Amino acid sequence: MARLPLFSLVLAITLLAACSQPEAQLAKLNVQAVSPADGATDVAVNTVVSVEFDGKVNGESAIGALVVMADGAAVSGTLSFDGDTVVFTPAADLAYDTTYTAMLDGVVKGISTAALGEIVTWSFTTAAGPIKPADDEDDGEYPEDDGTGGELIDEDGDFLPDDIDPDPTNPDTDGLQDGDDPFPTDPDADGDGIIDGEDEDLGLGVLVSVSPRPGQTVSKSSPISLVFDVDLDPSTIGPDAIRVYRLQDGNKVLKGLTRTPVAGTVSYDAATRTLTFTPDVPFKGAPPHYWVFISLDAKDMDGNTVAFDVHWRFRVK
């Protein structure tokens, strides 16, 4: 009987052993959060639908993977992804008082991680319609719990609690809710024919541009910036000149607005006349809604006052 050389015998045994070992399985990608949340109600019709994962997403696997449907029909829109988040942006506002179902395909996988392996679905319902809060006693109080057993106060009915409203007695006068209107008493403050909410300088006169503008969607790493047309005295700019709040529950305001601002740093670049808020950590994409407050009471280099209080909402993707 032929004998194998010792080296060949050892090699054969090693190969057989290797072939018999099971392949190491990749860790599975997991969903961290969805927005709007499953079962959410009173969701704003201009919401986006997003999924946040526990790792970065493989872009090719995410193409067409998130679908939103109502009454068996798919909603038209665009899909984008940024790092660990996939976002579906409807082509138009959703319908009021409608239940939508979002479906995430299990083929989505991460970078060096296995696919979900199962379809994820959840549902949410949009708001009944554009309504103002009821106030039977006309005392400015809402039947909404502020988290401490008391009632939230919103005297001017702009959906913004008085304790953080820069102008708590000024109602909506131009058809835009004050929370989305950077100049609530004038739809075109600088007379340039552009509604303030769509204007680069928001009609404030002393600005060249702001970013993000009301309703704009930006990346999670985007800073908030205001470019002025005058030189500001840095020593007169307060550390809370720009504050940002996150809307935790979709696009709702009274129940969903966190009362602690997002942590970050306000800085001023004299060379570019730019006032910037940089968050300590990137904004979150799920839920993606934020509210920025500008409370400026500063001086220019000639000692003239540069002051305004404005606020508006934006989204991140």
Protein backbone atom coordinates (compact mmCIF):
# COMPACT_ATOMS: atom_id res chain seq x y z
CA MET A 1 0.00 0.00 0.00
CA ALA A 2 1.34 3.42 -0.98
CA ARG A 3 2.38 5.68 1.86
CA LEU A 4 1.87 9.46 1.83
CA PRO A 5 4.86 11.55 2.79
CA LEU A 6 4.51 12.93 6.32
CA PHE A 7 4.30 16.57 5.09
CA SER A 8 1.50 15.75 2.63
CA LEU A 9 -0.40 13.87 5.30
CA VAL A 10 -0.21 16.79 7.74
CA LEU A 11 -1.31 19.24 5.00
CA ALA A 12 -4.28 17.07 4.08
CA ILE A 13 -5.42 16.84 7.68
CA THR A 14 -5.08 20.63 8.12
CA LEU A 15 -7.17 21.35 5.00
CA LEU A 16 -9.87 18.93 6.08
CA ALA A 17 -10.02 20.53 9.50
CA ALA A 18 -10.29 24.01 7.98
CA CYS A 19 -13.08 22.95 5.66
CA SER A 20 -15.03 21.46 8.53
CA GLN A 21 -15.00 24.74 10.54
CA PRO A 22 -18.16 26.88 10.14
CA GLU A 23 -17.64 30.36 8.59
CA ALA A 24 -17.72 33.23 11.08
CA GLN A 25 -21.03 35.07 10.69
CA LEU A 26 -21.14 38.83 10.32
CA ALA A 27 -22.88 40.84 13.01
CA LYS A 28 -26.38 41.90 11.97
CA LEU A 29 -27.37 45.51 11.31
CA ASN A 30 -30.05 46.66 13.76
CA VAL A 31 -32.64 49.43 13.81
CA GLN A 32 -32.08 51.95 16.62
CA ALA A 33 -35.08 54.24 16.09
CA VAL A 34 -37.75 55.18 13.58
CA SER A 35 -39.49 58.47 13.00
CA PRO A 36 -42.34 59.09 13.25
CA ALA A 37 -42.52 56.56 16.05
CA ASP A 38 -44.69 53.48 15.70
CA GLY A 39 -48.24 54.40 16.68
CA ALA A 40 -47.53 58.15 16.68
CA THR A 41 -50.55 60.41 16.18
CA ASP A 42 -51.00 64.08 15.25
CA VAL A 43 -47.93 63.80 13.02
CA ALA A 44 -47.29 66.89 10.89
CA VAL A 45 -48.15 66.41 7.23
CA ASN A 46 -44.76 67.80 6.18
CA THR A 47 -42.86 65.14 8.12
CA VAL A 48 -40.10 62.96 6.73
CA VAL A 49 -39.86 59.26 7.54
CA SER A 50 -36.48 58.07 8.79
CA VAL A 51 -34.74 55.03 10.21
CA GLU A 52 -31.62 55.24 12.38
CA PHE A 53 -29.39 52.15 12.59
CA ASP A 54 -26.66 51.06 14.97
CA GLY A 55 -24.03 51.37 12.26
CA LYS A 56 -23.32 52.97 8.90
CA VAL A 57 -25.54 51.82 6.06
CA ASN A 58 -24.36 50.26 2.80
CA GLY A 59 -25.79 52.75 0.30
CA GLU A 60 -26.47 50.29 -2.50
CA SER A 61 -28.51 48.04 -0.23
CA ALA A 62 -30.64 51.01 0.90
CA ILE A 63 -31.82 52.00 -2.59
CA GLY A 64 -35.61 51.65 -2.65
CA ALA A 65 -35.60 49.88 0.72
CA LEU A 66 -37.91 52.27 2.61
CA VAL A 67 -41.49 52.60 1.33
CA VAL A 68 -44.39 54.58 2.79
CA MET A 69 -47.95 53.59 1.94
CA ALA A 70 -51.52 54.67 2.63
CA ASP A 71 -54.63 52.73 1.58
CA GLY A 72 -52.46 50.33 -0.41
CA ALA A 73 -50.83 53.05 -2.52
CA ALA A 74 -47.16 54.00 -2.25
CA VAL A 75 -46.30 57.61 -1.44
CA SER A 76 -44.14 59.34 -4.02
CA GLY A 77 -40.85 60.70 -2.68
CA THR A 78 -37.09 60.45 -2.58
CA LEU A 79 -34.81 58.28 -0.50
CA SER A 80 -31.50 59.43 0.90
CA PHE A 81 -29.01 58.08 3.39
CA ASP A 82 -26.37 59.70 5.55
CA GLY A 83 -24.11 57.53 7.66
CA ASP A 84 -26.38 55.56 9.97
CA THR A 85 -29.71 57.04 8.82
CA VAL A 86 -32.03 56.40 5.87
CA VAL A 87 -34.57 59.15 5.16
CA PHE A 88 -37.67 59.12 2.97
CA THR A 89 -38.84 62.62 1.96
CA PRO A 90 -42.35 62.72 0.47
CA ALA A 91 -42.68 64.64 -2.79
CA ALA A 92 -45.61 66.57 -1.28
CA ASP A 93 -47.23 67.00 2.12
CA LEU A 94 -49.03 63.92 3.41
CA ALA A 95 -52.80 63.91 3.74
CA TYR A 96 -54.41 65.01 6.99
CA ASP A 97 -56.01 62.48 9.33
CA THR A 98 -54.52 59.51 7.49
CA THR A 99 -52.75 56.41 8.76
CA TYR A 100 -49.52 55.61 6.94
CA THR A 101 -47.48 52.44 7.05
CA ALA A 102 -43.72 52.51 6.58
CA MET A 103 -41.97 49.34 5.42
CA LEU A 104 -38.24 48.75 5.56
CA ASP A 105 -36.87 45.91 3.43
CA GLY A 106 -34.74 43.35 5.24
CA VAL A 107 -32.04 43.52 2.55
CA VAL A 108 -30.57 46.69 4.06
CA LYS A 109 -27.13 45.99 5.42
CA GLY A 110 -24.31 47.93 6.96
CA ILE A 111 -20.64 48.36 6.23
CA SER A 112 -19.10 44.95 7.06
CA THR A 113 -22.32 43.85 8.76
CA ALA A 114 -25.01 41.43 7.65
CA ALA A 115 -28.43 42.52 6.42
CA LEU A 116 -31.44 43.02 8.70
CA GLY A 117 -32.87 39.75 7.42
CA GLU A 118 -36.46 40.70 8.16
CA ILE A 119 -38.97 43.30 7.05
CA VAL A 120 -39.64 46.08 9.58
CA THR A 121 -42.99 47.86 9.48
CA TRP A 122 -44.60 50.55 11.61
CA SER A 123 -47.52 52.97 11.32
CA PHE A 124 -48.34 56.54 12.24
CA THR A 125 -51.30 58.88 11.79
CA THR A 126 -51.18 62.47 10.60
CA ALA A 127 -52.88 65.38 12.33
CA ALA A 128 -56.59 65.96 11.84
CA GLY A 129 -55.99 69.34 10.23
CA PRO A 130 -54.51 72.81 10.69
CA ILE A 131 -56.18 73.83 13.91
CA LYS A 132 -55.58 76.30 16.68
CA PRO A 133 -55.71 74.98 20.26
CA ALA A 134 -59.07 75.37 21.97
CA ASP A 135 -59.24 77.76 24.90
CA ASP A 136 -62.76 77.84 26.29
CA GLU A 137 -61.90 80.18 29.16
CA ASP A 138 -59.70 82.45 27.03
CA ASP A 139 -57.05 82.41 29.76
CA GLY A 140 -54.17 81.18 27.61
CA GLU A 141 -54.12 77.76 29.20
CA TYR A 142 -54.11 74.54 27.24
CA PRO A 143 -55.43 71.15 28.33
CA GLU A 144 -51.89 69.85 27.89
CA ASP A 145 -49.71 68.51 30.70
CA ASP A 146 -46.33 70.22 31.02
CA GLY A 147 -44.80 67.13 32.62
CA THR A 148 -45.15 68.42 36.18
CA GLY A 149 -48.92 68.12 36.51
CA GLY A 150 -49.49 71.75 35.52
CA GLU A 151 -50.79 73.22 32.30
CA LEU A 152 -48.74 74.79 29.54
CA ILE A 153 -49.36 78.49 28.95
CA ASP A 154 -49.43 79.91 25.42
CA GLU A 155 -51.06 83.30 25.54
CA ASP A 156 -50.71 84.20 21.86
CA GLY A 157 -51.72 80.80 20.48
CA ASP A 158 -48.63 80.21 18.36
CA PHE A 159 -48.08 76.68 19.72
CA LEU A 160 -45.02 77.89 21.63
CA PRO A 161 -45.08 77.75 25.47
CA ASP A 162 -44.74 81.22 26.97
CA ASP A 163 -41.73 80.24 29.09
CA ILE A 164 -39.58 79.93 25.96
CA ASP A 165 -41.47 82.23 23.57
CA PRO A 166 -39.45 85.40 22.83
CA ASP A 167 -42.70 87.25 22.09
CA PRO A 168 -45.40 85.52 24.19
CA THR A 169 -48.14 88.11 23.60
CA ASN A 170 -47.77 88.48 19.83
CA PRO A 171 -50.32 86.39 17.93
CA ASP A 172 -50.13 85.22 14.36
CA THR A 173 -50.85 88.23 12.14
CA ASP A 174 -49.78 87.20 8.63
CA GLY A 175 -51.07 83.65 8.14
CA LEU A 176 -47.89 81.93 9.26
CA GLN A 177 -47.59 80.39 12.70
CA ASP A 178 -45.10 82.43 14.70
CA GLY A 179 -43.00 79.34 15.30
CA ASP A 180 -42.24 79.15 11.58
CA ASP A 181 -42.28 82.89 10.92
CA PRO A 182 -38.98 84.74 11.47
CA PHE A 183 -40.82 88.08 11.48
CA PRO A 184 -44.33 87.44 12.79
CA THR A 185 -45.72 90.98 12.34
CA ASP A 186 -44.69 91.47 8.72
CA PRO A 187 -44.73 88.89 5.91
CA ASP A 188 -42.04 90.84 4.01
CA ALA A 189 -40.02 92.96 6.42
CA ASP A 190 -37.50 94.31 3.92
CA GLY A 191 -39.90 94.87 1.01
CA ASP A 192 -38.02 92.71 -1.46
CA GLY A 193 -41.07 90.71 -2.54
CA ILE A 194 -39.95 87.51 -0.82
CA ILE A 195 -41.85 86.01 2.11
CA ASP A 196 -39.54 86.21 5.12
CA GLY A 197 -39.51 82.46 5.68
CA GLU A 198 -38.08 81.97 2.18
CA ASP A 199 -35.75 84.98 2.24
CA GLU A 200 -31.98 84.48 2.58
CA ASP A 201 -31.80 87.22 5.23
CA LEU A 202 -35.26 86.48 6.69
CA GLY A 203 -36.17 90.14 6.13
CA LEU A 204 -34.19 91.21 9.20
CA GLY A 205 -32.12 93.82 7.38
CA VAL A 206 -28.82 93.37 9.23
CA LEU A 207 -28.29 89.87 7.82
CA VAL A 208 -26.93 88.63 4.53
CA SER A 209 -28.09 85.04 5.03
CA VAL A 210 -29.03 82.42 7.60
CA SER A 211 -28.64 78.66 7.55
CA PRO A 212 -30.72 76.62 7.85
CA ARG A 213 -33.73 78.65 6.72
CA PRO A 214 -37.22 77.90 8.06
CA GLY A 215 -38.33 74.43 7.02
CA GLN A 216 -35.02 73.58 5.36
CA THR A 217 -33.52 70.10 5.69
CA VAL A 218 -29.76 69.95 6.41
CA SER A 219 -27.23 67.28 7.32
CA LYS A 220 -26.75 66.21 10.93
CA SER A 221 -23.30 67.81 11.05
CA SER A 222 -24.41 71.22 9.73
CA PRO A 223 -23.81 74.19 12.04
CA ILE A 224 -26.32 77.01 12.42
CA SER A 225 -24.96 80.25 11.05
CA LEU A 226 -25.93 83.89 10.52
CA VAL A 227 -23.89 86.13 8.21
CA PHE A 228 -24.21 89.86 9.02
CA ASP A 229 -23.71 92.90 6.80
CA VAL A 230 -22.14 94.84 9.70
CA ASP A 231 -19.18 94.12 11.96
CA LEU A 232 -20.32 93.02 15.41
CA ASP A 233 -18.48 93.70 18.64
CA PRO A 234 -17.70 90.13 19.85
CA SER A 235 -17.70 91.22 23.49
CA THR A 236 -21.41 92.12 23.25
CA ILE A 237 -22.57 88.72 21.95
CA GLY A 238 -24.02 86.52 24.68
CA PRO A 239 -23.28 82.77 24.91
CA ASP A 240 -26.98 81.99 24.43
CA ALA A 241 -27.45 84.18 21.35
CA ILE A 242 -28.34 80.99 19.47
CA ARG A 243 -30.29 78.21 21.19
CA VAL A 244 -31.55 75.00 19.62
CA TYR A 245 -34.30 72.69 20.89
CA ARG A 246 -35.14 69.22 19.63
CA LEU A 247 -38.70 68.13 18.93
CA GLN A 248 -38.77 64.65 20.42
CA ASP A 249 -42.20 63.58 19.18
CA GLY A 250 -42.34 64.03 15.44
CA ASN A 251 -43.21 67.63 14.61
CA LYS A 252 -45.39 68.30 17.64
CA VAL A 253 -44.56 71.32 19.71
CA LEU A 254 -46.26 71.48 23.09
CA LYS A 255 -45.75 67.86 24.09
CA GLY A 256 -42.61 67.19 22.11
CA LEU A 257 -40.37 70.21 22.65
CA THR A 258 -37.47 69.44 24.99
CA ARG A 259 -37.05 72.22 27.55
CA THR A 260 -33.25 71.86 27.68
CA PRO A 261 -31.38 73.36 24.70
CA VAL A 262 -29.03 71.26 22.61
CA ALA A 263 -25.49 71.54 24.01
CA GLY A 264 -23.15 73.50 21.78
CA THR A 265 -20.91 76.53 21.34
CA VAL A 266 -21.70 80.00 19.97
CA SER A 267 -18.79 81.69 18.18
CA TYR A 268 -18.26 84.77 16.03
CA ASP A 269 -15.82 85.04 13.11
CA ALA A 270 -15.04 88.73 12.60
CA ALA A 271 -13.36 88.12 9.23
CA THR A 272 -16.55 86.72 7.70
CA ARG A 273 -19.04 88.46 10.03
CA THR A 274 -20.51 85.04 10.83
CA LEU A 275 -22.21 84.03 14.06
CA THR A 276 -22.26 80.23 14.43
CA PHE A 277 -23.75 77.63 16.71
CA THR A 278 -21.86 74.33 16.62
CA PRO A 279 -23.50 71.41 18.47
CA ASP A 280 -21.25 69.36 20.74
CA VAL A 281 -22.41 66.21 18.93
CA PRO A 282 -24.14 65.94 15.53
CA PHE A 283 -27.89 66.46 15.41
CA LYS A 284 -30.02 63.31 15.46
CA GLY A 285 -31.92 62.22 12.39
CA ALA A 286 -34.68 60.34 14.19
CA PRO A 287 -36.78 62.25 14.97
CA PRO A 288 -35.35 64.95 12.70
CA HIS A 289 -37.18 68.10 13.82
CA TYR A 290 -35.45 71.03 15.58
CA TRP A 291 -36.30 74.57 16.60
CA VAL A 292 -33.69 77.36 16.56
CA PHE A 293 -33.99 80.55 18.62
CA ILE A 294 -31.92 83.66 17.88
CA SER A 295 -31.87 86.06 20.83
CA LEU A 296 -29.37 88.74 19.93
CA ASP A 297 -28.79 91.98 21.85
CA ALA A 298 -25.37 93.09 20.62
CA LYS A 299 -23.57 96.16 19.29
CA ASP A 300 -21.77 96.83 16.06
CA MET A 301 -18.26 98.31 16.08
CA ASP A 302 -19.75 101.82 15.98
CA GLY A 303 -21.81 101.15 19.11
CA ASN A 304 -25.14 100.80 17.32
CA THR A 305 -27.60 98.22 18.66
CA VAL A 306 -28.07 95.02 16.67
CA ALA A 307 -30.92 93.14 18.34
CA PHE A 308 -33.74 90.77 17.41
CA ASP A 309 -35.60 87.72 18.71
CA VAL A 310 -36.65 85.21 16.05
CA HIS A 311 -37.27 81.50 15.95
CA TRP A 312 -38.06 78.88 13.31
CA ARG A 313 -38.06 75.13 12.72
CA PHE A 314 -35.76 73.04 10.53
CA ARG A 315 -35.04 69.36 9.92
CA VAL A 316 -31.97 67.18 9.63
CA LYS A 317 -31.43 64.15 7.46
